[in-house]
Amino acid sequence: MATATFRFHGELNAFLARPRRERAFAHAFAADATLKHAIEALGVPHTEIGRLCVNGAPSALDRPLGDGDRVDIHPQRAQPSAAPALPQPDRWRFVADAHLGGL
């Protein structure tokens, strides 16, 4: 088995066991493991990941891990909406159908 050093940033720490939060830690993995496999084995869903760096360089989830790699995992950030705000109506109105009385 090979070993890599992982460091999770921001809200991704909530997925980790307390002793592994907010610090770098070593983790052993199978020789054919990818970043995605190793990260999910630690309890962090890959859908929560925004940016990955291996040994200081940007990387993809399908990259094979190497012995001695240092992996920094950053959270996905919400993208601001590009759509303009919708105008508010002058007067609010509501519609109720006949089934509302049954509630």
PDB file of N, CA and C in Angstrom:
ATOM      1  N   MET A   1       0.839  -1.191   0.000  1.00  0.00           N
ATOM      2  CA  MET A   1       0.000   0.000   0.000  1.00  0.00           C
ATOM      3  C   MET A   1       0.878   1.246   0.000  1.00  0.00           C
ATOM      4  N   ALA A   2       0.371   2.261  -0.677  1.00  0.00           N
ATOM      5  CA  ALA A   2       1.064   3.541  -0.734  1.00  0.00           C
ATOM      6  C   ALA A   2       0.385   4.514   0.229  1.00  0.00           C
ATOM      7  N   THR A   3       1.060   5.615   0.519  1.00  0.00           N
ATOM      8  CA  THR A   3       0.531   6.609   1.451  1.00  0.00           C
ATOM      9  C   THR A   3       0.629   7.998   0.834  1.00  0.00           C
ATOM     10  N   ALA A   4      -0.426   8.794   1.014  1.00  0.00           N
ATOM     11  CA  ALA A   4      -0.437  10.190   0.569  1.00  0.00           C
ATOM     12  C   ALA A   4      -0.868  11.059   1.745  1.00  0.00           C
ATOM     13  N   THR A   5      -0.532  12.337   1.677  1.00  0.00           N
ATOM     14  CA  THR A   5      -0.935  13.293   2.703  1.00  0.00           C
ATOM     15  C   THR A   5      -2.104  14.108   2.162  1.00  0.00           C
ATOM     16  N   PHE A   6      -3.184  14.155   2.929  1.00  0.00           N
ATOM     17  CA  PHE A   6      -4.402  14.861   2.527  1.00  0.00           C
ATOM     18  C   PHE A   6      -4.631  16.057   3.438  1.00  0.00           C
ATOM     19  N   ARG A   7      -5.130  17.153   2.846  1.00  0.00           N
ATOM     20  CA  ARG A   7      -5.518  18.329   3.624  1.00  0.00           C
ATOM     21  C   ARG A   7      -6.821  18.847   3.036  1.00  0.00           C
ATOM     22  N   PHE A   8      -7.889  18.795   3.838  1.00  0.00           N
ATOM     23  CA  PHE A   8      -9.206  19.278   3.426  1.00  0.00           C
ATOM     24  C   PHE A   8      -9.397  20.693   3.952  1.00  0.00           C
ATOM     25  N   HIS A   9     -10.016  21.540   3.152  1.00  0.00           N
ATOM     26  CA  HIS A   9     -10.198  22.943   3.508  1.00  0.00           C
ATOM     27  C   HIS A   9     -11.679  23.280   3.661  1.00  0.00           C
ATOM     28  N   GLY A  10     -11.946  24.312   4.467  1.00  0.00           N
ATOM     29  CA  GLY A  10     -13.295  24.841   4.620  1.00  0.00           C
ATOM     30  C   GLY A  10     -14.297  23.840   5.153  1.00  0.00           C
ATOM     31  N   GLU A  11     -15.512  23.898   4.606  1.00  0.00           N
ATOM     32  CA  GLU A  11     -16.608  23.067   5.106  1.00  0.00           C
ATOM     33  C   GLU A  11     -16.450  21.582   4.812  1.00  0.00           C
ATOM     34  N   LEU A  12     -15.466  21.195   4.023  1.00  0.00           N
ATOM     35  CA  LEU A  12     -15.228  19.764   3.784  1.00  0.00           C
ATOM     36  C   LEU A  12     -14.786  19.051   5.056  1.00  0.00           C
ATOM     37  N   ASN A  13     -14.256  19.788   6.013  1.00  0.00           N
ATOM     38  CA  ASN A  13     -13.821  19.187   7.272  1.00  0.00           C
ATOM     39  C   ASN A  13     -14.973  18.558   8.046  1.00  0.00           C
ATOM     40  N   ALA A  14     -16.188  19.005   7.801  1.00  0.00           N
ATOM     41  CA  ALA A  14     -17.351  18.454   8.503  1.00  0.00           C
ATOM     42  C   ALA A  14     -17.571  16.978   8.173  1.00  0.00           C
ATOM     43  N   PHE A  15     -17.070  16.506   7.033  1.00  0.00           N
ATOM     44  CA  PHE A  15     -17.229  15.106   6.639  1.00  0.00           C
ATOM     45  C   PHE A  15     -16.185  14.191   7.281  1.00  0.00           C
ATOM     46  N   LEU A  16     -15.166  14.766   7.875  1.00  0.00           N
ATOM     47  CA  LEU A  16     -14.052  13.984   8.419  1.00  0.00           C
ATOM     48  C   LEU A  16     -14.233  13.677   9.896  1.00  0.00           C
ATOM     49  N   ALA A  17     -13.539  12.638  10.350  1.00  0.00           N
ATOM     50  CA  ALA A  17     -13.485  12.344  11.784  1.00  0.00           C
ATOM     51  C   ALA A  17     -12.766  13.502  12.481  1.00  0.00           C
ATOM     52  N   ARG A  18     -13.143  13.809  13.699  1.00  0.00           N
ATOM     53  CA  ARG A  18     -12.590  14.965  14.415  1.00  0.00           C
ATOM     54  C   ARG A  18     -11.057  15.029  14.426  1.00  0.00           C
ATOM     55  N   PRO A  19     -10.355  13.930  14.651  1.00  0.00           N
ATOM     56  CA  PRO A  19      -8.884  14.040  14.686  1.00  0.00           C
ATOM     57  C   PRO A  19      -8.255  14.439  13.345  1.00  0.00           C
ATOM     58  N   ARG A  20      -8.997  14.348  12.253  1.00  0.00           N
ATOM     59  CA  ARG A  20      -8.456  14.674  10.927  1.00  0.00           C
ATOM     60  C   ARG A  20      -8.867  16.053  10.428  1.00  0.00           C
ATOM     61  N   ARG A  21      -9.666  16.760  11.188  1.00  0.00           N
ATOM     62  CA  ARG A  21     -10.166  18.062  10.746  1.00  0.00           C
ATOM     63  C   ARG A  21      -9.099  19.148  10.892  1.00  0.00           C
ATOM     64  N   GLU A  22      -9.106  20.075   9.941  1.00  0.00           N
ATOM     65  CA  GLU A  22      -8.263  21.278   9.972  1.00  0.00           C
ATOM     66  C   GLU A  22      -6.764  21.000  10.048  1.00  0.00           C
ATOM     67  N   ARG A  23      -6.324  19.865   9.519  1.00  0.00           N
ATOM     68  CA  ARG A  23      -4.884  19.572   9.508  1.00  0.00           C
ATOM     69  C   ARG A  23      -4.573  18.577   8.401  1.00  0.00           C
ATOM     70  N   ALA A  24      -3.306  18.485   8.043  1.00  0.00           N
ATOM     71  CA  ALA A  24      -2.864  17.493   7.061  1.00  0.00           C
ATOM     72  C   ALA A  24      -2.668  16.163   7.775  1.00  0.00           C
ATOM     73  N   PHE A  25      -3.001  15.063   7.097  1.00  0.00           N
ATOM     74  CA  PHE A  25      -2.839  13.736   7.687  1.00  0.00           C
ATOM     75  C   PHE A  25      -2.494  12.734   6.601  1.00  0.00           C
ATOM     76  N   ALA A  26      -1.807  11.687   6.991  1.00  0.00           N
ATOM     77  CA  ALA A  26      -1.424  10.628   6.055  1.00  0.00           C
ATOM     78  C   ALA A  26      -2.531   9.590   5.981  1.00  0.00           C
ATOM     79  N   HIS A  27      -2.712   9.022   4.785  1.00  0.00           N
ATOM     80  CA  HIS A  27      -3.730   7.993   4.577  1.00  0.00           C
ATOM     81  C   HIS A  27      -3.183   6.976   3.578  1.00  0.00           C
ATOM     82  N   ALA A  28      -3.289   5.698   3.920  1.00  0.00           N
ATOM     83  CA  ALA A  28      -2.839   4.622   3.032  1.00  0.00           C
ATOM     84  C   ALA A  28      -3.950   4.283   2.042  1.00  0.00           C
ATOM     85  N   PHE A  29      -3.567   3.939   0.818  1.00  0.00           N
ATOM     86  CA  PHE A  29      -4.539   3.614  -0.221  1.00  0.00           C
ATOM     87  C   PHE A  29      -3.990   2.508  -1.109  1.00  0.00           C
ATOM     88  N   ALA A  30      -4.887   1.881  -1.865  1.00  0.00           N
ATOM     89  CA  ALA A  30      -4.487   0.819  -2.792  1.00  0.00           C
ATOM     90  C   ALA A  30      -3.636   1.407  -3.914  1.00  0.00           C
ATOM     91  N   ALA A  31      -2.773   0.602  -4.472  1.00  0.00           N
ATOM     92  CA  ALA A  31      -1.840   1.072  -5.496  1.00  0.00           C
ATOM     93  C   ALA A  31      -2.539   1.624  -6.734  1.00  0.00           C
ATOM     94  N   ASP A  32      -3.728   1.134  -7.065  1.00  0.00           N
ATOM     95  CA  ASP A  32      -4.437   1.595  -8.264  1.00  0.00           C
ATOM     96  C   ASP A  32      -5.524   2.634  -7.970  1.00  0.00           C
ATOM     97  N   ALA A  33      -5.524   3.227  -6.790  1.00  0.00           N
ATOM     98  CA  ALA A  33      -6.564   4.180  -6.393  1.00  0.00           C
ATOM     99  C   ALA A  33      -6.412   5.514  -7.125  1.00  0.00           C
ATOM    100  N   THR A  34      -7.558   6.116  -7.435  1.00  0.00           N
ATOM    101  CA  THR A  34      -7.577   7.464  -8.000  1.00  0.00           C
ATOM    102  C   THR A  34      -7.878   8.443  -6.875  1.00  0.00           C
ATOM    103  N   LEU A  35      -7.749   9.725  -7.172  1.00  0.00           N
ATOM    104  CA  LEU A  35      -8.089  10.743  -6.175  1.00  0.00           C
ATOM    105  C   LEU A  35      -9.526  10.575  -5.696  1.00  0.00           C
ATOM    106  N   LYS A  36     -10.439  10.352  -6.632  1.00  0.00           N
ATOM    107  CA  LYS A  36     -11.854  10.195  -6.275  1.00  0.00           C
ATOM    108  C   LYS A  36     -12.048   9.046  -5.293  1.00  0.00           C
ATOM    109  N   HIS A  37     -11.446   7.889  -5.561  1.00  0.00           N
ATOM    110  CA  HIS A  37     -11.597   6.732  -4.672  1.00  0.00           C
ATOM    111  C   HIS A  37     -11.057   7.029  -3.276  1.00  0.00           C
ATOM    112  N   ALA A  38      -9.882   7.624  -3.205  1.00  0.00           N
ATOM    113  CA  ALA A  38      -9.265   7.898  -1.908  1.00  0.00           C
ATOM    114  C   ALA A  38     -10.065   8.927  -1.112  1.00  0.00           C
ATOM    115  N   ILE A  39     -10.536   9.977  -1.777  1.00  0.00           N
ATOM    116  CA  ILE A  39     -11.292  11.029  -1.089  1.00  0.00           C
ATOM    117  C   ILE A  39     -12.623  10.489  -0.583  1.00  0.00           C
ATOM    118  N   GLU A  40     -13.324   9.713  -1.401  1.00  0.00           N
ATOM    119  CA  GLU A  40     -14.599   9.151  -0.955  1.00  0.00           C
ATOM    120  C   GLU A  40     -14.397   8.111   0.140  1.00  0.00           C
ATOM    121  N   ALA A  41     -13.272   7.406   0.137  1.00  0.00           N
ATOM    122  CA  ALA A  41     -12.981   6.455   1.213  1.00  0.00           C
ATOM    123  C   ALA A  41     -12.803   7.178   2.545  1.00  0.00           C
ATOM    124  N   LEU A  42     -12.433   8.448   2.500  1.00  0.00           N
ATOM    125  CA  LEU A  42     -12.285   9.249   3.716  1.00  0.00           C
ATOM    126  C   LEU A  42     -13.618   9.847   4.172  1.00  0.00           C
ATOM    127  N   GLY A  43     -14.681   9.668   3.376  1.00  0.00           N
ATOM    128  CA  GLY A  43     -16.014  10.122   3.772  1.00  0.00           C
ATOM    129  C   GLY A  43     -16.488  11.404   3.123  1.00  0.00           C
ATOM    130  N   VAL A  44     -15.719  11.957   2.202  1.00  0.00           N
ATOM    131  CA  VAL A  44     -16.104  13.207   1.551  1.00  0.00           C
ATOM    132  C   VAL A  44     -16.683  12.896   0.168  1.00  0.00           C
ATOM    133  N   PRO A  45     -17.946  13.273  -0.105  1.00  0.00           N
ATOM    134  CA  PRO A  45     -18.540  13.027  -1.422  1.00  0.00           C
ATOM    135  C   PRO A  45     -17.821  13.840  -2.501  1.00  0.00           C
ATOM    136  N   HIS A  46     -17.565  13.228  -3.641  1.00  0.00           N
ATOM    137  CA  HIS A  46     -16.834  13.936  -4.698  1.00  0.00           C
ATOM    138  C   HIS A  46     -17.624  15.125  -5.248  1.00  0.00           C
ATOM    139  N   THR A  47     -18.936  15.129  -5.076  1.00  0.00           N
ATOM    140  CA  THR A  47     -19.758  16.239  -5.565  1.00  0.00           C
ATOM    141  C   THR A  47     -19.555  17.519  -4.755  1.00  0.00           C
ATOM    142  N   GLU A  48     -18.951  17.417  -3.588  1.00  0.00           N
ATOM    143  CA  GLU A  48     -18.696  18.580  -2.739  1.00  0.00           C
ATOM    144  C   GLU A  48     -17.354  19.242  -3.039  1.00  0.00           C
ATOM    145  N   ILE A  49     -16.561  18.622  -3.901  1.00  0.00           N
ATOM    146  CA  ILE A  49     -15.205  19.094  -4.163  1.00  0.00           C
ATOM    147  C   ILE A  49     -15.218  20.127  -5.279  1.00  0.00           C
ATOM    148  N   GLY A  50     -14.527  21.232  -5.040  1.00  0.00           N
ATOM    149  CA  GLY A  50     -14.426  22.274  -6.048  1.00  0.00           C
ATOM    150  C   GLY A  50     -13.085  22.285  -6.749  1.00  0.00           C
ATOM    151  N   ARG A  51     -11.999  22.292  -5.985  1.00  0.00           N
ATOM    152  CA  ARG A  51     -10.661  22.378  -6.563  1.00  0.00           C
ATOM    153  C   ARG A  51      -9.751  21.374  -5.887  1.00  0.00           C
ATOM    154  N   LEU A  52      -8.951  20.705  -6.696  1.00  0.00           N
ATOM    155  CA  LEU A  52      -7.984  19.716  -6.211  1.00  0.00           C
ATOM    156  C   LEU A  52      -6.586  20.125  -6.641  1.00  0.00           C
ATOM    157  N   CYS A  53      -5.639  20.001  -5.745  1.00  0.00           N
ATOM    158  CA  CYS A  53      -4.239  20.220  -6.084  1.00  0.00           C
ATOM    159  C   CYS A  53      -3.437  19.040  -5.569  1.00  0.00           C
ATOM    160  N   VAL A  54      -2.595  18.489  -6.432  1.00  0.00           N
ATOM    161  CA  VAL A  54      -1.694  17.412  -6.039  1.00  0.00           C
ATOM    162  C   VAL A  54      -0.279  17.938  -6.204  1.00  0.00           C
ATOM    163  N   ASN A  55       0.456  17.942  -5.107  1.00  0.00           N
ATOM    164  CA  ASN A  55       1.828  18.467  -5.097  1.00  0.00           C
ATOM    165  C   ASN A  55       1.880  19.898  -5.631  1.00  0.00           C
ATOM    166  N   GLY A  56       0.854  20.689  -5.301  1.00  0.00           N
ATOM    167  CA  GLY A  56       0.807  22.093  -5.675  1.00  0.00           C
ATOM    168  C   GLY A  56       0.262  22.397  -7.058  1.00  0.00           C
ATOM    169  N   ALA A  57      -0.054  21.383  -7.850  1.00  0.00           N
ATOM    170  CA  ALA A  57      -0.565  21.598  -9.207  1.00  0.00           C
ATOM    171  C   ALA A  57      -2.029  21.171  -9.300  1.00  0.00           C
ATOM    172  N   PRO A  58      -2.864  21.908 -10.052  1.00  0.00           N
ATOM    173  CA  PRO A  58      -4.266  21.506 -10.221  1.00  0.00           C
ATOM    174  C   PRO A  58      -4.362  20.098 -10.799  1.00  0.00           C
ATOM    175  N   SER A  59      -5.393  19.381 -10.364  1.00  0.00           N
ATOM    176  CA  SER A  59      -5.536  17.991 -10.785  1.00  0.00           C
ATOM    177  C   SER A  59      -7.001  17.632 -10.956  1.00  0.00           C
ATOM    178  N   ALA A  60      -7.247  16.493 -11.624  1.00  0.00           N
ATOM    179  CA  ALA A  60      -8.602  15.981 -11.842  1.00  0.00           C
ATOM    180  C   ALA A  60      -8.861  14.794 -10.922  1.00  0.00           C
ATOM    181  N   LEU A  61     -10.137  14.490 -10.709  1.00  0.00           N
ATOM    182  CA  LEU A  61     -10.516  13.383  -9.824  1.00  0.00           C
ATOM    183  C   LEU A  61     -10.055  12.023 -10.328  1.00  0.00           C
ATOM    184  N   ASP A  62      -9.895  11.872 -11.632  1.00  0.00           N
ATOM    185  CA  ASP A  62      -9.521  10.561 -12.166  1.00  0.00           C
ATOM    186  C   ASP A  62      -8.002  10.323 -12.189  1.00  0.00           C
ATOM    187  N   ARG A  63      -7.238  11.237 -11.622  1.00  0.00           N
ATOM    188  CA  ARG A  63      -5.783  11.086 -11.572  1.00  0.00           C
ATOM    189  C   ARG A  63      -5.400   9.978 -10.598  1.00  0.00           C
ATOM    190  N   PRO A  64      -4.511   9.074 -11.014  1.00  0.00           N
ATOM    191  CA  PRO A  64      -4.034   8.046 -10.074  1.00  0.00           C
ATOM    192  C   PRO A  64      -3.165   8.681  -8.991  1.00  0.00           C
ATOM    193  N   LEU A  65      -3.305   8.197  -7.780  1.00  0.00           N
ATOM    194  CA  LEU A  65      -2.488   8.694  -6.673  1.00  0.00           C
ATOM    195  C   LEU A  65      -1.127   8.015  -6.685  1.00  0.00           C
ATOM    196  N   GLY A  66      -0.127   8.752  -6.278  1.00  0.00           N
ATOM    197  CA  GLY A  66       1.209   8.189  -6.168  1.00  0.00           C
ATOM    198  C   GLY A  66       1.671   8.202  -4.724  1.00  0.00           C
ATOM    199  N   ASP A  67       2.598   7.334  -4.409  1.00  0.00           N
ATOM    200  CA  ASP A  67       3.141   7.275  -3.053  1.00  0.00           C
ATOM    201  C   ASP A  67       3.839   8.597  -2.738  1.00  0.00           C
ATOM    202  N   GLY A  68       3.497   9.196  -1.603  1.00  0.00           N
ATOM    203  CA  GLY A  68       4.113  10.441  -1.181  1.00  0.00           C
ATOM    204  C   GLY A  68       3.443  11.694  -1.704  1.00  0.00           C
ATOM    205  N   ASP A  69       2.365  11.565  -2.472  1.00  0.00           N
ATOM    206  CA  ASP A  69       1.656  12.744  -2.979  1.00  0.00           C
ATOM    207  C   ASP A  69       1.073  13.553  -1.832  1.00  0.00           C
ATOM    208  N   ARG A  70       1.028  14.882  -2.035  1.00  0.00           N
ATOM    209  CA  ARG A  70       0.357  15.770  -1.088  1.00  0.00           C
ATOM    210  C   ARG A  70      -0.871  16.322  -1.807  1.00  0.00           C
ATOM    211  N   VAL A  71      -2.049  16.079  -1.231  1.00  0.00           N
ATOM    212  CA  VAL A  71      -3.318  16.425  -1.881  1.00  0.00           C
ATOM    213  C   VAL A  71      -4.042  17.488  -1.058  1.00  0.00           C
ATOM    214  N   ASP A  72      -4.371  18.615  -1.698  1.00  0.00           N
ATOM    215  CA  ASP A  72      -5.174  19.669  -1.077  1.00  0.00           C
ATOM    216  C   ASP A  72      -6.533  19.670  -1.750  1.00  0.00           C
ATOM    217  N   ILE A  73      -7.596  19.592  -0.932  1.00  0.00           N
ATOM    218  CA  ILE A  73      -8.958  19.499  -1.441  1.00  0.00           C
ATOM    219  C   ILE A  73      -9.749  20.705  -0.943  1.00  0.00           C
ATOM    220  N   HIS A  74     -10.282  21.478  -1.878  1.00  0.00           N
ATOM    221  CA  HIS A  74     -11.042  22.680  -1.548  1.00  0.00           C
ATOM    222  C   HIS A  74     -12.515  22.463  -1.880  1.00  0.00           C
ATOM    223  N   PRO A  75     -13.423  23.107  -1.131  1.00  0.00           N
ATOM    224  CA  PRO A  75     -14.862  22.903  -1.354  1.00  0.00           C
ATOM    225  C   PRO A  75     -15.375  23.594  -2.612  1.00  0.00           C
ATOM    226  N   GLN A  76     -16.513  23.090  -3.077  1.00  0.00           N
ATOM    227  CA  GLN A  76     -17.236  23.706  -4.191  1.00  0.00           C
ATOM    228  C   GLN A  76     -17.858  24.991  -3.674  1.00  0.00           C
ATOM    229  N   ARG A  77     -17.701  26.063  -4.387  1.00  0.00           N
ATOM    230  CA  ARG A  77     -18.298  27.342  -4.000  1.00  0.00           C
ATOM    231  C   ARG A  77     -19.527  27.597  -4.858  1.00  0.00           C
ATOM    232  N   ALA A  78     -20.556  28.152  -4.253  1.00  0.00           N
ATOM    233  CA  ALA A  78     -21.767  28.489  -5.003  1.00  0.00           C
ATOM    234  C   ALA A  78     -21.452  29.607  -5.984  1.00  0.00           C
ATOM    235  N   GLN A  79     -21.914  29.448  -7.207  1.00  0.00           N
ATOM    236  CA  GLN A  79     -21.701  30.463  -8.232  1.00  0.00           C
ATOM    237  C   GLN A  79     -22.820  31.497  -8.142  1.00  0.00           C
ATOM    238  N   PRO A  80     -22.473  32.776  -8.156  1.00  0.00           N
ATOM    239  CA  PRO A  80     -23.528  33.792  -8.116  1.00  0.00           C
ATOM    240  C   PRO A  80     -24.383  33.730  -9.382  1.00  0.00           C
ATOM    241  N   SER A  81     -25.645  34.028  -9.221  1.00  0.00           N
ATOM    242  CA  SER A  81     -26.571  33.990 -10.348  1.00  0.00           C
ATOM    243  C   SER A  81     -26.270  35.134 -11.311  1.00  0.00           C
ATOM    244  N   ALA A  82     -26.232  34.827 -12.595  1.00  0.00           N
ATOM    245  CA  ALA A  82     -25.966  35.845 -13.606  1.00  0.00           C
ATOM    246  C   ALA A  82     -27.256  36.524 -14.062  1.00  0.00           C
ATOM    247  N   ALA A  83     -28.402  35.962 -13.702  1.00  0.00           N
ATOM    248  CA  ALA A  83     -29.685  36.524 -14.119  1.00  0.00           C
ATOM    249  C   ALA A  83     -30.006  37.766 -13.285  1.00  0.00           C
ATOM    250  N   PRO A  84     -30.552  38.796 -13.916  1.00  0.00           N
ATOM    251  CA  PRO A  84     -30.933  39.982 -13.146  1.00  0.00           C
ATOM    252  C   PRO A  84     -32.121  39.666 -12.236  1.00  0.00           C
ATOM    253  N   ALA A  85     -32.236  40.417 -11.177  1.00  0.00           N
ATOM    254  CA  ALA A  85     -33.342  40.220 -10.239  1.00  0.00           C
ATOM    255  C   ALA A  85     -34.666  40.545 -10.931  1.00  0.00           C
ATOM    256  N   LEU A  86     -35.679  39.736 -10.655  1.00  0.00           N
ATOM    257  CA  LEU A  86     -37.001  39.961 -11.245  1.00  0.00           C
ATOM    258  C   LEU A  86     -37.694  41.108 -10.529  1.00  0.00           C
ATOM    259  N   PRO A  87     -38.461  41.923 -11.264  1.00  0.00           N
ATOM    260  CA  PRO A  87     -39.181  43.016 -10.602  1.00  0.00           C
ATOM    261  C   PRO A  87     -40.280  42.457  -9.698  1.00  0.00           C
ATOM    262  N   GLN A  88     -40.529  43.134  -8.598  1.00  0.00           N
ATOM    263  CA  GLN A  88     -41.562  42.724  -7.655  1.00  0.00           C
ATOM    264  C   GLN A  88     -42.911  43.295  -8.100  1.00  0.00           C
ATOM    265  N   PRO A  89     -43.991  42.527  -7.944  1.00  0.00           N
ATOM    266  CA  PRO A  89     -45.320  43.040  -8.333  1.00  0.00           C
ATOM    267  C   PRO A  89     -45.767  44.161  -7.392  1.00  0.00           C
ATOM    268  N   ASP A  90     -46.621  45.046  -7.926  1.00  0.00           N
ATOM    269  CA  ASP A  90     -47.161  46.128  -7.104  1.00  0.00           C
ATOM    270  C   ASP A  90     -48.092  45.585  -6.024  1.00  0.00           C
ATOM    271  N   ARG A  91     -48.858  44.559  -6.396  1.00  0.00           N
ATOM    272  CA  ARG A  91     -49.808  43.980  -5.450  1.00  0.00           C
ATOM    273  C   ARG A  91     -49.745  42.466  -5.587  1.00  0.00           C
ATOM    274  N   TRP A  92     -49.566  41.764  -4.473  1.00  0.00           N
ATOM    275  CA  TRP A  92     -49.508  40.299  -4.491  1.00  0.00           C
ATOM    276  C   TRP A  92     -50.913  39.723  -4.590  1.00  0.00           C
ATOM    277  N   ARG A  93     -51.079  38.666  -5.372  1.00  0.00           N
ATOM    278  CA  ARG A  93     -52.349  37.968  -5.500  1.00  0.00           C
ATOM    279  C   ARG A  93     -52.086  36.477  -5.416  1.00  0.00           C
ATOM    280  N   PHE A  94     -53.050  35.751  -4.884  1.00  0.00           N
ATOM    281  CA  PHE A  94     -52.919  34.308  -4.741  1.00  0.00           C
ATOM    282  C   PHE A  94     -54.111  33.615  -5.383  1.00  0.00           C
ATOM    283  N   VAL A  95     -53.885  32.421  -5.880  1.00  0.00           N
ATOM    284  CA  VAL A  95     -54.939  31.626  -6.499  1.00  0.00           C
ATOM    285  C   VAL A  95     -55.111  30.369  -5.666  1.00  0.00           C
ATOM    286  N   ALA A  96     -56.366  30.017  -5.359  1.00  0.00           N
ATOM    287  CA  ALA A  96     -56.669  28.789  -4.625  1.00  0.00           C
ATOM    288  C   ALA A  96     -57.678  27.992  -5.444  1.00  0.00           C
ATOM    289  N   ASP A  97     -57.451  26.686  -5.544  1.00  0.00           N
ATOM    290  CA  ASP A  97     -58.413  25.880  -6.298  1.00  0.00           C
ATOM    291  C   ASP A  97     -59.433  25.252  -5.347  1.00  0.00           C
ATOM    292  N   ALA A  98     -60.391  24.526  -5.901  1.00  0.00           N
ATOM    293  CA  ALA A  98     -61.492  23.962  -5.118  1.00  0.00           C
ATOM    294  C   ALA A  98     -61.017  22.929  -4.103  1.00  0.00           C
ATOM    295  N   HIS A  99     -59.876  22.302  -4.310  1.00  0.00           N
ATOM    296  CA  HIS A  99     -59.391  21.269  -3.397  1.00  0.00           C
ATOM    297  C   HIS A  99     -58.820  21.835  -2.102  1.00  0.00           C
ATOM    298  N   LEU A 100     -58.585  23.124  -2.047  1.00  0.00           N
ATOM    299  CA  LEU A 100     -58.015  23.741  -0.859  1.00  0.00           C
ATOM    300  C   LEU A 100     -58.950  23.619   0.342  1.00  0.00           C
ATOM    301  N   GLY A 101     -60.251  23.629   0.108  1.00  0.00           N
ATOM    302  CA  GLY A 101     -61.216  23.509   1.199  1.00  0.00           C
ATOM    303  C   GLY A 101     -61.132  22.169   1.908  1.00  0.00           C
ATOM    304  N   GLY A 102     -60.665  21.131   1.231  1.00  0.00           N
ATOM    305  CA  GLY A 102     -60.539  19.802   1.836  1.00  0.00           C
ATOM    306  C   GLY A 102     -59.379  19.695   2.814  1.00  0.00           C
ATOM    307  N   LEU A 103     -58.486  20.643   2.789  1.00  0.00           N
ATOM    308  CA  LEU A 103     -57.349  20.599   3.707  1.00  0.00           C
ATOM    309  C   LEU A 103     -57.788  21.071   5.056  1.00  0.00           C
TER     310      LEU A 103
END
